[in-house]
Structures are given as structure tokens and as C-alpha cells.
């Protein structure tokens, strides 16, 4: 891939991470998962197609700015999703504990 194609892919990832952030802000977890999959696909394309030769000049600066934007989106997405994930995990653990208790003690009450 040439430099412009690589920059274009990075820009696409930045757009997708911005869409992911919007989905996270409104709690649209299904859309977030769809976008995350799309983002992962683009990142894999970059990994497999980017030249090992370092960029120079304006192209390098553009790439750095795009990556900074992507990382900023990622930080904010994590800030939104980590508490939700912790709450979901706690809820799942609580439900699992309730099922175990029900199985353990519910069977003994049928006498």
C-alpha cells in the first residue's frame, strides 16, 4: 500500500472510533460491538499492508495526529464502558450465585 492508502485507512479508523464513541455515549452496545468489529478489520488491514519504511514530513505528522485522535476516542470509550462492564460483571456474578444457592438449598426444601 502507498502512503495515501495507509493514511486513508487510519482516517477511516478515526471515523469508526468516533462512531464507537457516539454509540457508547448513548449506550448502544450492539452498535458499539458492530463498529468494534469493523474497526478491528481495518486495523488488521493496516498491520498487514503498512510498509516498514518510516514515513516522513507532513505524511508522518498527519499519521501521528490521526493516531492521537484514535487514542483519545479509545480513552473516552473506555471511560464510558468500563463502569458498565463492571456493573454487568457484578450482576452476572450475583445471578450465578443466586442460581447456585437456589440449586443447593432449593433441593433440600422439597421434603
Protein backbone atom coordinates (compact mmCIF):
# COMPACT_ATOMS: atom_id res chain seq x y z
CA UNK A 1 0.00 0.00 0.00
CA UNK A 2 1.16 3.51 -0.70
CA UNK A 3 1.28 6.33 1.87
CA UNK A 4 -2.08 7.80 0.84
CA UNK A 5 -3.82 4.44 1.17
CA UNK A 6 -2.35 3.97 4.64
CA UNK A 7 -3.39 7.48 5.74
CA UNK A 8 -6.85 6.85 4.33
CA UNK A 9 -7.15 3.66 6.38
CA UNK A 10 -6.06 5.49 9.54
CA UNK A 11 -8.62 8.20 8.81
CA UNK A 12 -11.30 5.53 8.40
CA UNK A 13 -10.34 4.03 11.76
CA UNK A 14 -10.62 7.50 13.33
CA UNK A 15 -14.12 7.90 11.86
CA UNK A 16 -15.15 4.47 13.14
CA UNK A 17 -13.77 5.12 16.63
CA UNK A 18 -15.70 8.39 16.66
CA UNK A 19 -18.86 6.44 15.77
CA UNK A 20 -18.00 3.94 18.51
CA UNK A 21 -17.73 6.80 20.98
CA UNK A 22 -21.12 8.13 19.91
CA UNK A 23 -22.64 4.67 20.38
CA UNK A 24 -21.03 4.32 23.82
CA UNK A 25 -22.32 7.74 24.88
CA UNK A 26 -25.92 6.70 24.20
CA UNK A 27 -25.47 3.16 25.49
CA UNK A 28 -26.00 1.48 22.12
CA UNK A 29 -23.88 -1.55 22.98
CA UNK A 30 -24.96 -3.59 19.95
CA UNK A 31 -23.85 -0.84 17.57
CA UNK A 32 -20.62 -0.47 19.53
CA UNK A 33 -19.85 -4.17 19.01
CA UNK A 34 -20.59 -3.94 15.27
CA UNK A 35 -18.34 -0.90 14.93
CA UNK A 36 -15.61 -2.50 17.03
CA UNK A 37 -15.55 -5.45 14.65
CA UNK A 38 -15.31 -3.11 11.65
CA UNK A 39 -12.50 -1.19 13.36
CA UNK A 40 -10.59 -4.38 14.10
CA UNK A 41 -10.83 -5.38 10.45
CA UNK A 42 -9.36 -2.04 9.32
CA UNK A 43 -6.57 -2.24 11.89
CA UNK A 44 -5.66 -5.72 10.63
CA UNK A 45 -5.53 -4.35 7.09
CA UNK A 46 -3.16 -1.62 8.27
CA UNK A 47 -0.97 -4.13 10.13
CA UNK A 48 -0.73 -6.39 7.11
CA UNK A 49 -0.29 -3.69 4.49
CA UNK A 50 1.72 -0.90 6.06
CA UNK A 51 5.26 -0.58 4.80
CA UNK A 52 8.04 -0.99 7.37
CA UNK A 53 9.69 2.10 5.89
CA UNK A 54 9.05 5.08 8.19
CA UNK A 55 7.01 7.97 6.87
CA UNK A 56 8.48 11.43 6.71
CA UNK A 57 7.36 15.03 6.74
CA UNK A 58 3.72 16.03 6.51
CA UNK A 59 2.53 12.45 5.99
CA UNK A 60 4.14 11.38 9.26
CA UNK A 61 2.64 14.35 11.11
CA UNK A 62 -0.80 13.54 9.70
CA UNK A 63 -0.49 9.92 10.79
CA UNK A 64 0.55 10.97 14.32
CA UNK A 65 -2.43 13.35 14.62
CA UNK A 66 -4.84 10.67 13.43
CA UNK A 67 -3.41 8.15 15.91
CA UNK A 68 -3.74 10.72 18.70
CA UNK A 69 -7.40 11.17 17.75
CA UNK A 70 -7.97 7.41 17.73
CA UNK A 71 -6.34 7.07 21.15
CA UNK A 72 -8.44 9.93 22.55
CA UNK A 73 -11.60 8.20 21.29
CA UNK A 74 -10.41 4.93 22.80
CA UNK A 75 -9.77 6.54 26.20
CA UNK A 76 -13.21 8.09 26.29
CA UNK A 77 -14.89 4.87 25.15
CA UNK A 78 -13.11 3.01 27.97
CA UNK A 79 -14.16 5.66 30.47
CA UNK A 80 -17.76 5.05 29.46
CA UNK A 81 -17.70 1.28 29.06
CA UNK A 82 -15.52 0.14 31.97
CA UNK A 83 -18.07 1.05 34.69
CA UNK A 84 -20.84 -0.54 32.62
CA UNK A 85 -18.76 -3.70 32.15
CA UNK A 86 -18.01 -3.84 35.89
CA UNK A 87 -21.71 -3.45 36.68
CA UNK A 88 -22.61 -6.15 34.15
CA UNK A 89 -19.99 -8.49 35.58
CA UNK A 90 -21.23 -7.92 39.14
CA UNK A 91 -24.80 -8.55 38.02
CA UNK A 92 -23.81 -11.76 36.26
CA UNK A 93 -21.86 -12.95 39.30
CA UNK A 94 -24.83 -12.14 41.55
CA UNK A 95 -27.20 -14.08 39.29
CA UNK A 96 -24.79 -17.00 39.20
CA UNK A 97 -24.55 -17.00 42.99
CA UNK A 98 -28.35 -16.89 43.28
CA UNK A 99 -28.65 -19.92 40.95
CA UNK A 100 -26.08 -21.87 42.94
CA UNK A 101 -27.85 -21.08 46.21
CA UNK A 102 -31.21 -21.97 44.72
CA UNK A 103 -29.87 -25.30 43.49
CA UNK A 104 -28.14 -26.05 46.77
CA UNK A 105 -30.94 -25.07 49.12
CA UNK A 106 -33.97 -25.39 46.87
CA UNK A 107 -33.48 -29.13 46.53
CA UNK A 108 -33.47 -29.52 50.31
CA UNK A 109 -36.82 -27.72 50.75
CA UNK A 110 -38.89 -30.21 48.77
CA UNK A 111 -39.35 -32.55 51.68
